[in-house]
């Protein structure tokens, strides 16, 4: 490496390192002060046999005597009860104590994401480039806001990656403990199901059916138990969380709900896209793992409600472009440039313009074009898989 390139690497590491450090400090400050999306209050209500969905839609005032409003604002229990039970250990702590433990946990899990990404979808990437990408993720507004509002995407994304990594190990070893590790990780990762349900289609593509369906069954059992616990019907345990979450349908960033103003049409289109992706995962037999997961990540962020703080996972599609010299050559330079412009826009430019309608519109159009192009690329590969060989 000549001196010029060496200095360019040093400058890049220094600039991104400083930005990531500042982002970390500010994110921790905000997380200690706010963490309003943690949903500790909803989980606590559930443990006390108080229906958190009723308290979210039409508060009865039953929780006011506990003084939780000092730490959390209006309850928004938009998670299914089987998911809220995952927060049970935190409900054993005081509200403030739970908030700090959650903050520290998110920081540790971020480090875990860095390790697991390198062991899974970025294992072919050069270490120097990967470190720059990881620092870029930390420096971006989405990750910082994740920490600040106490969101669950870091938590869920970590356990999804852990499930993938353990599943890859289990393919080689066929170990019951590894299988259980995949099941537990998948069960937990569904906490942010708006992200990880589409990502879980990756398990369909890999033909890892058993752990996926086992995790879904576990959530079904927890839902039945929750209905008994709260004295509600099983149907209400599904409908009530959806009522809470549907109220947020138009408040996302560039997802279909936001683009269509919360119209019910967005749910229909999102459902159809999900079914199309499911069909593709069944059809693709010899796809590239990095291409498939990138397509799923891109769609997962827009087929359902997502604020832009969830978009830190947009770093994952970089795995398409950095897979060694041979693989990288199949992608034109313009596509890589397009992706990085999109990434920089989401990570930094949106914040500069306070996510105004104009910049969100431009970003959304660019994002949808890129997503549809990547989907088309995967569809072409799927069609090639089913081509019958010509007769001699």
Protein backbone atom coordinates (compact mmCIF):
# COMPACT_ATOMS: atom_id res chain seq x y z
CA UNK A 1 0.00 0.00 0.00
CA UNK A 2 1.50 3.35 -1.07
CA UNK A 3 1.58 6.35 1.25
CA UNK A 4 -1.34 8.08 -0.48
CA UNK A 5 -3.71 5.15 0.00
CA UNK A 6 -2.47 4.67 3.55
CA UNK A 7 -3.32 8.26 4.43
CA UNK A 8 -6.74 7.96 2.80
CA UNK A 9 -7.50 4.95 5.03
CA UNK A 10 -6.25 6.82 8.10
CA UNK A 11 -8.40 9.86 7.30
CA UNK A 12 -11.48 7.70 6.63
CA UNK A 13 -11.04 5.79 9.90
CA UNK A 14 -10.42 8.98 11.86
CA UNK A 15 -13.41 10.89 10.49
CA UNK A 16 -15.85 8.00 10.82
CA UNK A 17 -14.41 7.03 14.20
CA UNK A 18 -15.00 10.52 15.59
CA UNK A 19 -18.50 10.66 14.10
CA UNK A 20 -19.33 7.22 15.53
CA UNK A 21 -18.04 8.24 18.98
CA UNK A 22 -20.13 11.42 18.98
CA UNK A 23 -23.16 9.44 17.80
CA UNK A 24 -22.62 6.93 20.60
CA UNK A 25 -22.42 9.60 23.29
CA UNK A 26 -25.53 11.44 22.08
CA UNK A 27 -27.47 8.21 21.65
CA UNK A 28 -26.68 7.18 25.23
CA UNK A 29 -27.72 10.57 26.57
CA UNK A 30 -31.03 10.37 24.76
CA UNK A 31 -31.55 6.76 25.80
CA UNK A 32 -31.01 7.54 29.48
CA UNK A 33 -33.45 10.46 29.25
CA UNK A 34 -36.19 9.05 27.00
CA UNK A 35 -36.36 5.41 25.80
CA UNK A 36 -40.08 6.02 25.28
CA UNK A 37 -40.46 3.07 22.88
CA UNK A 38 -39.10 0.48 25.32
CA UNK A 39 -42.63 -0.78 26.22
CA UNK A 40 -41.59 -1.68 29.76
CA UNK A 41 -44.91 -0.21 30.89
CA UNK A 42 -46.92 -2.45 28.55
CA UNK A 43 -45.02 -5.54 29.66
CA UNK A 44 -45.45 -4.56 33.32
CA UNK A 45 -49.19 -4.12 32.84
CA UNK A 46 -49.37 -7.57 31.24
CA UNK A 47 -47.60 -9.18 34.22
CA UNK A 48 -50.16 -7.53 36.54
CA UNK A 49 -53.05 -8.97 34.47
CA UNK A 50 -53.97 -5.50 33.19
CA UNK A 51 -54.78 -5.48 29.47
CA UNK A 52 -52.11 -3.18 27.94
CA UNK A 53 -54.06 -2.82 24.68
CA UNK A 54 -57.13 -1.44 26.42
CA UNK A 55 -54.87 0.98 28.33
CA UNK A 56 -53.33 2.05 25.02
CA UNK A 57 -56.60 2.65 23.17
CA UNK A 58 -58.88 3.86 25.99
CA UNK A 59 -56.89 4.32 29.24
CA UNK A 60 -58.91 3.48 32.33
CA UNK A 61 -56.53 5.22 34.72
CA UNK A 62 -55.86 2.02 36.61
CA UNK A 63 -52.09 2.40 36.20
CA UNK A 64 -51.82 6.02 37.35
CA UNK A 65 -51.43 5.00 40.98
CA UNK A 66 -48.19 3.21 40.13
CA UNK A 67 -46.48 6.41 38.97
CA UNK A 68 -45.04 4.97 35.78
CA UNK A 69 -45.90 8.13 33.85
CA UNK A 70 -42.81 9.67 35.40
CA UNK A 71 -40.71 7.43 33.17
CA UNK A 72 -42.97 6.57 30.23
CA UNK A 73 -45.55 8.64 28.37
CA UNK A 74 -48.84 7.34 26.92
CA UNK A 75 -48.74 3.56 26.58
CA UNK A 76 -48.55 2.20 23.04
CA UNK A 77 -48.71 -1.58 23.32
CA UNK A 78 -48.35 -2.40 19.63
CA UNK A 79 -46.63 -5.75 20.23
CA UNK A 80 -48.46 -9.06 20.44
CA UNK A 81 -48.65 -10.46 24.00
CA UNK A 82 -46.31 -13.34 23.14
CA UNK A 83 -43.69 -10.69 22.38
CA UNK A 84 -44.32 -8.58 25.46
CA UNK A 85 -43.57 -11.63 27.63
CA UNK A 86 -40.00 -11.44 26.29
CA UNK A 87 -39.58 -8.29 28.39
CA UNK A 88 -40.64 -10.07 31.58
CA UNK A 89 -37.10 -10.03 33.11
CA UNK A 90 -37.03 -6.23 32.76
CA UNK A 91 -40.33 -5.86 34.63
CA UNK A 92 -38.60 -7.24 37.73
CA UNK A 93 -36.55 -4.02 37.78
CA UNK A 94 -37.64 -0.49 38.57
CA UNK A 95 -38.64 1.61 35.54
CA UNK A 96 -35.41 3.63 35.65
CA UNK A 97 -33.26 0.57 36.33
CA UNK A 98 -34.86 -1.28 33.43
CA UNK A 99 -34.24 1.68 31.13
CA UNK A 100 -30.49 1.70 31.91
CA UNK A 101 -30.20 -2.07 31.56
CA UNK A 102 -32.00 -1.88 28.20
CA UNK A 103 -29.64 0.89 27.06
CA UNK A 104 -26.54 -1.08 28.06
CA UNK A 105 -28.02 -4.18 26.48
CA UNK A 106 -28.56 -2.40 23.16
CA UNK A 107 -24.93 -1.25 23.15
CA UNK A 108 -23.69 -4.79 23.82
CA UNK A 109 -26.01 -6.22 21.18
CA UNK A 110 -24.71 -3.66 18.68
CA UNK A 111 -21.25 -5.10 19.22
CA UNK A 112 -22.78 -8.54 18.76
CA UNK A 113 -24.32 -7.43 15.47
CA UNK A 114 -20.88 -6.31 14.31
CA UNK A 115 -19.42 -9.74 15.09
CA UNK A 116 -22.32 -11.74 13.63
CA UNK A 117 -22.48 -9.75 10.40
CA UNK A 118 -18.81 -10.57 9.82
CA UNK A 119 -19.47 -14.25 10.55
CA UNK A 120 -22.46 -14.46 8.19
CA UNK A 121 -23.21 -12.11 5.31
CA UNK A 122 -19.96 -10.13 5.39
CA UNK A 123 -17.57 -13.03 5.85
CA UNK A 124 -16.11 -12.54 2.36
CA UNK A 125 -15.48 -8.82 2.83
CA UNK A 126 -12.07 -7.30 3.53
CA UNK A 127 -11.71 -6.42 7.23
CA UNK A 128 -10.68 -2.82 6.53
CA UNK A 129 -13.75 -2.15 4.39
CA UNK A 130 -16.04 -3.89 6.86
CA UNK A 131 -14.79 -1.76 9.75
CA UNK A 132 -15.55 1.39 7.75
CA UNK A 133 -19.07 0.14 7.02
CA UNK A 134 -19.67 -0.68 10.68
CA UNK A 135 -18.42 2.75 11.78
CA UNK A 136 -20.69 4.30 9.15
CA UNK A 137 -23.65 2.47 10.68
CA UNK A 138 -22.77 3.75 14.17
CA UNK A 139 -22.29 7.30 12.92
CA UNK A 140 -25.66 7.39 11.15
CA UNK A 141 -28.80 8.95 12.55
CA UNK A 142 -30.89 5.73 12.44
CA UNK A 143 -28.66 3.79 14.86
CA UNK A 144 -28.30 6.79 17.18
CA UNK A 145 -32.07 7.25 17.30
CA UNK A 146 -32.54 3.53 17.93
CA UNK A 147 -30.48 3.91 21.10
CA UNK A 148 -32.17 7.19 22.03
CA UNK A 149 -35.79 6.05 21.84
CA UNK A 150 -35.13 2.58 23.26
CA UNK A 151 -36.37 0.80 20.15
CA UNK A 152 -36.29 -2.98 19.60
CA UNK A 153 -34.71 -3.33 16.16
CA UNK A 154 -31.17 -3.76 17.50
CA UNK A 155 -32.46 -6.43 19.89
CA UNK A 156 -34.39 -8.30 17.18
CA UNK A 157 -31.79 -7.95 14.44
CA UNK A 158 -29.09 -9.37 16.72
CA UNK A 159 -31.15 -12.48 17.46
CA UNK A 160 -32.02 -12.93 13.79
CA UNK A 161 -28.32 -12.91 12.88
CA UNK A 162 -27.61 -15.24 15.79
CA UNK A 163 -30.29 -17.64 14.49
CA UNK A 164 -28.72 -17.60 11.00
CA UNK A 165 -25.21 -18.18 12.36
CA UNK A 166 -26.27 -21.08 14.61
CA UNK A 167 -28.38 -22.58 11.81
CA UNK A 168 -25.33 -22.59 9.52
CA UNK A 169 -23.40 -24.43 12.24
CA UNK A 170 -26.27 -26.89 12.68
CA UNK A 171 -26.21 -27.78 8.99
CA UNK A 172 -22.73 -29.20 9.52
CA UNK A 173 -23.15 -30.76 12.99
CA UNK A 174 -26.86 -31.68 13.32
CA UNK A 175 -26.87 -31.04 17.06
CA UNK A 176 -30.05 -30.83 19.16
CA UNK A 177 -28.56 -28.01 21.28
CA UNK A 178 -27.78 -26.00 18.14
CA UNK A 179 -31.32 -26.64 16.89
CA UNK A 180 -32.74 -25.33 20.18
CA UNK A 181 -30.42 -22.32 19.91
CA UNK A 182 -31.87 -21.50 16.49
CA UNK A 183 -35.44 -21.90 17.78
CA UNK A 184 -34.86 -19.67 20.83
CA UNK A 185 -33.09 -17.01 18.75
CA UNK A 186 -35.87 -16.99 16.15
CA UNK A 187 -38.54 -16.82 18.84
CA UNK A 188 -36.88 -13.76 20.38
CA UNK A 189 -36.09 -12.05 17.07
CA UNK A 190 -39.78 -11.75 16.22
CA UNK A 191 -40.09 -8.98 18.81
CA UNK A 192 -39.72 -6.54 15.91
CA UNK A 193 -41.79 -8.68 13.59
CA UNK A 194 -42.28 -5.88 11.06
CA UNK A 195 -38.59 -6.30 10.27
CA UNK A 196 -37.84 -9.92 11.09
CA UNK A 197 -40.97 -11.62 9.69
CA UNK A 198 -39.87 -10.74 6.12
CA UNK A 199 -36.26 -11.57 7.02
CA UNK A 200 -37.36 -14.96 8.34
CA UNK A 201 -38.31 -15.85 4.77
CA UNK A 202 -34.57 -16.40 4.40
CA UNK A 203 -35.13 -19.63 6.37
CA UNK A 204 -37.64 -20.70 3.70
CA UNK A 205 -35.02 -20.03 1.02
CA UNK A 206 -32.43 -22.08 2.95
CA UNK A 207 -34.97 -24.89 3.60
CA UNK A 208 -34.53 -24.54 7.36
CA UNK A 209 -38.21 -25.18 8.00
CA UNK A 210 -38.26 -26.93 11.38
CA UNK A 211 -36.80 -24.18 13.59
CA UNK A 212 -38.92 -21.54 11.87
CA UNK A 213 -42.23 -23.33 12.38
CA UNK A 214 -41.26 -24.33 15.93
CA UNK A 215 -40.65 -20.67 16.81
CA UNK A 216 -44.03 -19.71 15.33
CA UNK A 217 -45.75 -22.47 17.33
CA UNK A 218 -44.12 -21.17 20.54
CA UNK A 219 -45.63 -17.74 19.89
CA UNK A 220 -48.98 -19.40 19.26
CA UNK A 221 -48.79 -21.14 22.64
CA UNK A 222 -47.82 -17.89 24.38
CA UNK A 223 -50.77 -16.15 22.72
CA UNK A 224 -53.18 -18.79 24.05
CA UNK A 225 -51.65 -18.43 27.51
CA UNK A 226 -51.96 -14.63 27.33
CA UNK A 227 -55.65 -14.91 26.46
CA UNK A 228 -56.18 -17.06 29.54
CA UNK A 229 -54.01 -14.74 31.66
CA UNK A 230 -55.97 -11.61 30.72
CA UNK A 231 -59.36 -13.28 30.48
CA UNK A 232 -59.70 -12.38 26.81
CA UNK A 233 -60.40 -14.42 23.70
CA UNK A 234 -57.54 -15.60 21.53
CA UNK A 235 -58.95 -13.57 18.64
CA UNK A 236 -58.80 -10.38 20.75
CA UNK A 237 -55.16 -11.12 21.58
CA UNK A 238 -54.49 -10.78 17.86
CA UNK A 239 -56.91 -7.99 16.98
CA UNK A 240 -56.16 -5.63 19.89
CA UNK A 241 -52.40 -5.23 19.19
CA UNK A 242 -53.18 -4.67 15.51
CA UNK A 243 -55.65 -1.91 16.45
CA UNK A 244 -52.90 -0.12 18.35
CA UNK A 245 -50.30 -0.55 15.61
CA UNK A 246 -52.69 0.38 12.79
CA UNK A 247 -53.07 3.84 14.32
CA UNK A 248 -49.40 4.41 13.44
CA UNK A 249 -49.72 3.26 9.82
CA UNK A 250 -49.34 6.75 8.31
CA UNK A 251 -46.55 7.92 10.64
CA UNK A 252 -43.62 6.05 9.11
CA UNK A 253 -40.81 7.38 6.99
CA UNK A 254 -40.93 6.11 3.40
CA UNK A 255 -42.89 2.88 3.85
CA UNK A 256 -46.07 2.06 1.94
CA UNK A 257 -48.30 3.21 4.80
CA UNK A 258 -46.64 6.62 4.90
CA UNK A 259 -46.61 6.90 1.11
CA UNK A 260 -50.34 6.11 0.90
CA UNK A 261 -51.37 8.20 3.90
CA UNK A 262 -52.30 5.24 6.09
CA UNK A 263 -54.73 3.89 3.50
CA UNK A 264 -55.86 0.27 3.89
CA UNK A 265 -54.48 -0.20 0.38
CA UNK A 266 -50.99 -0.15 1.89
CA UNK A 267 -51.82 -3.27 3.93
CA UNK A 268 -53.09 -5.02 0.82
CA UNK A 269 -50.02 -4.14 -1.25
CA UNK A 270 -47.68 -5.03 1.61
CA UNK A 271 -49.40 -8.41 2.02
CA UNK A 272 -49.15 -9.14 -1.71
CA UNK A 273 -45.44 -8.25 -1.74
CA UNK A 274 -44.89 -10.55 1.24
CA UNK A 275 -46.64 -13.40 -0.57
CA UNK A 276 -44.57 -12.71 -3.69
CA UNK A 277 -41.39 -12.82 -1.63
CA UNK A 278 -42.54 -16.07 -0.04
CA UNK A 279 -43.07 -17.55 -3.49
CA UNK A 280 -39.63 -16.40 -4.59
CA UNK A 281 -38.00 -17.97 -1.53
CA UNK A 282 -39.64 -21.28 -2.44
CA UNK A 283 -38.58 -20.90 -6.07
CA UNK A 284 -34.96 -19.83 -5.65
CA UNK A 285 -32.80 -22.93 -5.36
CA UNK A 286 -29.33 -21.67 -6.19
CA UNK A 287 -29.37 -18.01 -5.27
CA UNK A 288 -26.63 -15.97 -3.65
CA UNK A 289 -27.25 -15.61 0.08
CA UNK A 290 -26.14 -11.98 0.09
CA UNK A 291 -28.51 -11.06 -2.75
CA UNK A 292 -31.47 -12.80 -1.14
CA UNK A 293 -31.05 -11.29 2.33
CA UNK A 294 -30.42 -7.84 0.84
CA UNK A 295 -33.68 -8.01 -1.09
CA UNK A 296 -35.54 -9.08 2.05
CA UNK A 297 -34.01 -6.27 4.11
CA UNK A 298 -34.90 -3.68 1.51
CA UNK A 299 -38.54 -4.80 1.31
CA UNK A 300 -38.92 -5.33 5.05
CA UNK A 301 -38.34 -1.62 5.68
CA UNK A 302 -41.18 -0.47 3.44
CA UNK A 303 -43.95 -3.09 3.27
CA UNK A 304 -44.99 -2.26 6.85
CA UNK A 305 -44.74 0.73 9.19
CA UNK A 306 -41.17 1.80 9.90
CA UNK A 307 -39.71 5.06 11.07
CA UNK A 308 -36.29 5.91 9.70
CA UNK A 309 -34.57 4.82 12.94
CA UNK A 310 -35.01 1.23 11.74
CA UNK A 311 -32.96 1.90 8.62
CA UNK A 312 -29.56 1.26 10.23
CA UNK A 313 -29.99 -2.31 8.87
CA UNK A 314 -29.64 -0.78 5.39
CA UNK A 315 -25.92 -1.44 5.85
CA UNK A 316 -26.55 -5.13 5.10
CA UNK A 317 -27.10 -4.77 1.31
CA UNK A 318 -23.46 -3.70 1.08
CA UNK A 319 -22.78 -7.45 1.29
CA UNK A 320 -23.91 -7.73 -2.35
CA UNK A 321 -21.03 -5.64 -3.57
CA UNK A 322 -18.11 -6.83 -1.43
CA UNK A 323 -17.80 -10.59 -1.90
CA UNK A 324 -14.38 -10.91 -3.44
CA UNK A 325 -13.11 -9.84 -6.82
CA UNK A 326 -15.03 -12.43 -8.85
CA UNK A 327 -18.43 -11.77 -7.32
CA UNK A 328 -18.00 -8.01 -7.24
CA UNK A 329 -17.35 -7.83 -10.99
CA UNK A 330 -20.95 -8.76 -11.85
CA UNK A 331 -22.26 -5.48 -10.43
CA UNK A 332 -21.71 -2.24 -12.34
CA UNK A 333 -20.04 0.68 -10.62
CA UNK A 334 -23.17 2.81 -11.06
CA UNK A 335 -25.20 0.42 -8.90
CA UNK A 336 -22.64 0.54 -6.10
CA UNK A 337 -22.56 4.35 -6.35
CA UNK A 338 -26.36 4.47 -6.31
CA UNK A 339 -26.45 2.34 -3.16
CA UNK A 340 -23.94 4.51 -1.30
CA UNK A 341 -25.72 7.72 -2.25
CA UNK A 342 -28.92 6.16 -0.90
CA UNK A 343 -27.11 5.04 2.25
CA UNK A 344 -25.58 8.46 2.92
CA UNK A 345 -28.93 10.13 2.28
CA UNK A 346 -30.75 7.92 4.79
CA UNK A 347 -27.96 8.05 7.39
CA UNK A 348 -27.19 11.77 7.26
CA UNK A 349 -29.04 13.91 4.71
CA UNK A 350 -32.53 13.21 6.07
CA UNK A 351 -31.40 14.49 9.47
CA UNK A 352 -29.91 17.66 7.99
CA UNK A 353 -33.27 18.51 6.39
CA UNK A 354 -35.26 17.37 9.46
CA UNK A 355 -36.95 14.67 7.35
CA UNK A 356 -38.97 17.25 5.47
CA UNK A 357 -41.63 16.06 3.02
CA UNK A 358 -39.55 16.99 -0.04
CA UNK A 359 -36.40 15.11 0.94
CA UNK A 360 -38.46 12.12 2.14
CA UNK A 361 -40.22 12.01 -1.25
CA UNK A 362 -36.94 12.08 -3.19
CA UNK A 363 -35.36 9.49 -0.90
CA UNK A 364 -38.44 7.27 -1.10
CA UNK A 365 -38.50 7.32 -4.90
CA UNK A 366 -34.80 6.46 -5.02
CA UNK A 367 -35.26 3.71 -2.46
CA UNK A 368 -38.18 2.07 -4.26
CA UNK A 369 -36.32 2.11 -7.59
CA UNK A 370 -33.29 0.43 -6.01
CA UNK A 371 -35.44 -2.15 -4.20
CA UNK A 372 -37.42 -3.10 -7.30
CA UNK A 373 -34.19 -3.38 -9.31
CA UNK A 374 -32.63 -5.76 -6.75
CA UNK A 375 -35.84 -7.79 -6.71
CA UNK A 376 -35.76 -8.02 -10.50
CA UNK A 377 -32.16 -9.19 -10.32
CA UNK A 378 -33.15 -12.00 -7.94
CA UNK A 379 -36.15 -12.88 -10.09
CA UNK A 380 -33.93 -13.28 -13.16
CA UNK A 381 -31.66 -15.61 -11.22
CA UNK A 382 -34.67 -17.61 -10.08
CA UNK A 383 -35.84 -18.02 -13.68
CA UNK A 384 -32.39 -19.23 -14.74
CA UNK A 385 -32.54 -21.88 -12.04
CA UNK A 386 -35.62 -23.44 -13.63
CA UNK A 387 -34.34 -23.39 -17.22
CA UNK A 388 -34.36 -26.88 -18.66
CA UNK A 389 -31.10 -27.97 -20.34
CA UNK A 390 -31.11 -28.08 -24.11
CA UNK A 391 -31.15 -31.49 -25.73
CA UNK A 392 -28.00 -32.56 -27.49
